[in-house]
Amino acid sequence: MNGTIAQAIALTCHGNASLAGRPPSAPFSSNSTTQFCDAITFVTLKEGVLRRKPKEVLVASTPDEWFDYLAQSGA
């Protein structure tokens, strides 16, 4: 299986469990799909001022922080 697809599936499964109130027993960083990753970060785009290019704004620096962000955002 393609590593990117496997990681997307793992993120979805961990995220669904976390948002359903059943957080996984281990942090996402211990998942096998992360073994070749230096970092996994999550950003949102903020509109640029005066027609400038949109800016990336860090939302979470780890998948576990992102799951918390999603829960706090009402996902």
N, C-alpha and C. Protein backbone atom coordinates (compact mmCIF):
# COMPACT_ATOMS: atom_id res chain seq x y z
N MET A 1 0.85 -1.18 0.00
CA MET A 1 0.00 0.00 0.00
C MET A 1 0.89 1.23 0.00
N ASN A 2 0.47 2.25 -0.69
CA ASN A 2 1.16 3.53 -0.74
C ASN A 2 1.25 4.12 0.67
N GLY A 3 2.43 4.61 1.06
CA GLY A 3 2.63 5.16 2.40
C GLY A 3 1.74 6.34 2.72
N THR A 4 1.52 7.21 1.74
CA THR A 4 0.67 8.38 1.95
C THR A 4 -0.78 7.96 2.22
N ILE A 5 -1.25 6.97 1.48
CA ILE A 5 -2.61 6.48 1.69
C ILE A 5 -2.73 5.81 3.05
N ALA A 6 -1.74 4.99 3.40
CA ALA A 6 -1.75 4.33 4.70
C ALA A 6 -1.78 5.35 5.83
N GLN A 7 -1.00 6.42 5.69
CA GLN A 7 -0.98 7.46 6.73
C GLN A 7 -2.31 8.18 6.81
N ALA A 8 -2.94 8.46 5.68
CA ALA A 8 -4.25 9.12 5.68
C ALA A 8 -5.29 8.23 6.36
N ILE A 9 -5.24 6.93 6.10
CA ILE A 9 -6.17 6.00 6.74
C ILE A 9 -5.93 5.96 8.24
N ALA A 10 -4.66 5.90 8.64
CA ALA A 10 -4.33 5.86 10.07
C ALA A 10 -4.77 7.14 10.77
N LEU A 11 -4.56 8.30 10.12
CA LEU A 11 -5.01 9.57 10.70
C LEU A 11 -6.52 9.59 10.87
N THR A 12 -7.23 9.09 9.86
CA THR A 12 -8.69 9.04 9.93
C THR A 12 -9.18 8.14 11.06
N CYS A 13 -8.58 6.97 11.16
CA CYS A 13 -8.99 6.04 12.23
C CYS A 13 -8.69 6.59 13.62
N HIS A 14 -7.50 7.13 13.80
CA HIS A 14 -7.14 7.71 15.10
C HIS A 14 -8.01 8.93 15.41
N GLY A 15 -8.24 9.76 14.40
CA GLY A 15 -9.08 10.94 14.60
C GLY A 15 -10.50 10.57 14.95
N ASN A 16 -11.08 9.61 14.25
CA ASN A 16 -12.45 9.17 14.54
C ASN A 16 -12.56 8.63 15.96
N ALA A 17 -11.59 7.83 16.38
CA ALA A 17 -11.61 7.28 17.74
C ALA A 17 -11.48 8.40 18.77
N SER A 18 -10.58 9.32 18.53
CA SER A 18 -10.36 10.42 19.46
C SER A 18 -11.61 11.29 19.59
N LEU A 19 -12.22 11.62 18.46
CA LEU A 19 -13.41 12.49 18.48
C LEU A 19 -14.64 11.78 19.06
N ALA A 20 -14.62 10.45 19.03
CA ALA A 20 -15.72 9.68 19.60
C ALA A 20 -15.52 9.44 21.09
N GLY A 21 -14.45 10.00 21.65
CA GLY A 21 -14.19 9.85 23.07
C GLY A 21 -13.45 8.58 23.42
N ARG A 22 -12.88 7.94 22.41
CA ARG A 22 -12.11 6.71 22.64
C ARG A 22 -10.68 6.93 22.14
N PRO A 23 -9.92 7.79 22.82
CA PRO A 23 -8.57 8.08 22.31
C PRO A 23 -7.71 6.82 22.27
N PRO A 24 -6.89 6.69 21.24
CA PRO A 24 -6.02 5.52 21.14
C PRO A 24 -5.10 5.41 22.36
N SER A 25 -4.65 4.20 22.65
CA SER A 25 -3.82 3.97 23.83
C SER A 25 -2.40 4.51 23.66
N ALA A 26 -1.98 4.75 22.43
CA ALA A 26 -0.63 5.28 22.18
C ALA A 26 -0.73 6.53 21.32
N PRO A 27 0.24 7.44 21.45
CA PRO A 27 0.21 8.64 20.60
C PRO A 27 0.38 8.26 19.13
N PHE A 28 -0.11 9.11 18.27
CA PHE A 28 -0.05 8.82 16.83
C PHE A 28 1.39 8.67 16.36
N SER A 29 2.32 9.36 17.00
CA SER A 29 3.72 9.31 16.57
C SER A 29 4.31 7.90 16.66
N SER A 30 3.67 7.01 17.42
CA SER A 30 4.15 5.63 17.50
C SER A 30 3.57 4.75 16.39
N ASN A 31 2.68 5.30 15.57
CA ASN A 31 2.09 4.54 14.47
C ASN A 31 3.16 4.23 13.43
N SER A 32 3.11 3.06 12.84
CA SER A 32 4.13 2.64 11.86
C SER A 32 4.17 3.53 10.62
N THR A 33 3.08 4.23 10.32
CA THR A 33 3.06 5.09 9.12
C THR A 33 3.91 6.34 9.30
N THR A 34 4.39 6.59 10.51
CA THR A 34 5.19 7.80 10.76
C THR A 34 6.68 7.51 10.81
N GLN A 35 7.08 6.27 10.62
CA GLN A 35 8.49 5.91 10.83
C GLN A 35 9.46 6.63 9.91
N PHE A 36 9.03 7.08 8.76
CA PHE A 36 9.92 7.78 7.85
C PHE A 36 9.61 9.28 7.74
N CYS A 37 8.84 9.80 8.69
CA CYS A 37 8.46 11.22 8.68
C CYS A 37 9.32 12.00 9.66
N ASP A 38 9.79 13.15 9.22
CA ASP A 38 10.49 14.05 10.13
C ASP A 38 9.48 14.80 10.98
N ALA A 39 8.36 15.18 10.37
CA ALA A 39 7.33 15.94 11.08
C ALA A 39 6.01 15.81 10.33
N ILE A 40 4.94 15.90 11.10
CA ILE A 40 3.59 15.97 10.52
C ILE A 40 2.94 17.18 11.18
N THR A 41 2.67 18.19 10.38
CA THR A 41 2.07 19.41 10.91
C THR A 41 0.78 19.71 10.17
N PHE A 42 -0.05 20.55 10.79
CA PHE A 42 -1.35 20.90 10.22
C PHE A 42 -1.45 22.41 10.19
N VAL A 43 -1.80 22.94 9.02
CA VAL A 43 -1.90 24.38 8.83
C VAL A 43 -3.26 24.74 8.24
N THR A 44 -3.60 25.99 8.39
CA THR A 44 -4.76 26.54 7.72
C THR A 44 -4.26 27.75 6.92
N LEU A 45 -5.00 28.15 5.94
CA LEU A 45 -4.59 29.29 5.13
C LEU A 45 -5.33 30.54 5.60
N LYS A 46 -4.58 31.60 5.77
CA LYS A 46 -5.16 32.90 6.13
C LYS A 46 -5.02 33.80 4.91
N GLU A 47 -6.10 34.49 4.58
CA GLU A 47 -6.06 35.35 3.40
C GLU A 47 -4.98 36.41 3.53
N GLY A 48 -4.30 36.63 2.42
CA GLY A 48 -3.28 37.67 2.40
C GLY A 48 -3.90 39.05 2.33
N VAL A 49 -3.16 40.02 2.78
CA VAL A 49 -3.61 41.41 2.74
C VAL A 49 -3.26 42.01 1.38
N LEU A 50 -4.16 42.78 0.84
CA LEU A 50 -3.95 43.45 -0.44
C LEU A 50 -3.57 42.49 -1.57
N ARG A 51 -4.36 41.43 -1.69
CA ARG A 51 -4.21 40.45 -2.76
C ARG A 51 -2.88 39.69 -2.74
N ARG A 52 -2.27 39.64 -1.60
CA ARG A 52 -1.04 38.85 -1.49
C ARG A 52 -1.40 37.38 -1.36
N LYS A 53 -0.41 36.57 -1.55
CA LYS A 53 -0.58 35.14 -1.46
C LYS A 53 -1.07 34.76 -0.05
N PRO A 54 -1.97 33.79 0.06
CA PRO A 54 -2.41 33.35 1.39
C PRO A 54 -1.23 32.87 2.23
N LYS A 55 -1.38 33.02 3.53
CA LYS A 55 -0.32 32.66 4.46
C LYS A 55 -0.71 31.39 5.21
N GLU A 56 0.26 30.50 5.42
CA GLU A 56 0.01 29.30 6.21
C GLU A 56 0.12 29.65 7.69
N VAL A 57 -0.88 29.23 8.47
CA VAL A 57 -0.88 29.45 9.91
C VAL A 57 -0.90 28.07 10.58
N LEU A 58 0.08 27.81 11.43
CA LEU A 58 0.17 26.52 12.10
C LEU A 58 -1.03 26.31 13.02
N VAL A 59 -1.70 25.18 12.87
CA VAL A 59 -2.83 24.81 13.72
C VAL A 59 -2.36 23.82 14.78
N ALA A 60 -1.54 22.85 14.36
CA ALA A 60 -1.04 21.84 15.29
C ALA A 60 0.29 21.31 14.78
N SER A 61 1.19 21.04 15.70
CA SER A 61 2.51 20.55 15.29
C SER A 61 2.62 19.03 15.38
N THR A 62 1.56 18.37 15.86
CA THR A 62 1.52 16.90 15.88
C THR A 62 0.09 16.46 15.59
N PRO A 63 -0.10 15.23 15.13
CA PRO A 63 -1.46 14.74 14.92
C PRO A 63 -2.29 14.76 16.20
N ASP A 64 -1.70 14.41 17.33
CA ASP A 64 -2.46 14.40 18.58
C ASP A 64 -2.95 15.81 18.95
N GLU A 65 -2.12 16.83 18.70
CA GLU A 65 -2.57 18.21 18.92
C GLU A 65 -3.71 18.56 17.95
N TRP A 66 -3.62 18.04 16.73
CA TRP A 66 -4.65 18.32 15.74
C TRP A 66 -5.97 17.69 16.15
N PHE A 67 -5.94 16.46 16.69
CA PHE A 67 -7.18 15.82 17.17
C PHE A 67 -7.80 16.66 18.27
N ASP A 68 -6.99 17.21 19.19
CA ASP A 68 -7.49 18.08 20.25
C ASP A 68 -8.10 19.35 19.66
N TYR A 69 -7.42 19.92 18.66
CA TYR A 69 -7.91 21.13 17.98
C TYR A 69 -9.28 20.85 17.34
N LEU A 70 -9.41 19.71 16.67
CA LEU A 70 -10.68 19.36 16.04
C LEU A 70 -11.79 19.22 17.07
N ALA A 71 -11.48 18.57 18.19
CA ALA A 71 -12.48 18.39 19.24
C ALA A 71 -12.92 19.74 19.81
N GLN A 72 -11.96 20.63 20.04
CA GLN A 72 -12.29 21.95 20.57
C GLN A 72 -13.05 22.81 19.57
N SER A 73 -12.87 22.51 18.28
CA SER A 73 -13.56 23.27 17.22
C SER A 73 -14.96 22.72 16.95
N GLY A 74 -15.35 21.66 17.65
CA GLY A 74 -16.68 21.11 17.48
C GLY A 74 -16.82 20.11 16.36
N ALA A 75 -15.72 19.55 15.91
CA ALA A 75 -15.80 18.54 14.82
C ALA A 75 -16.50 17.29 15.30
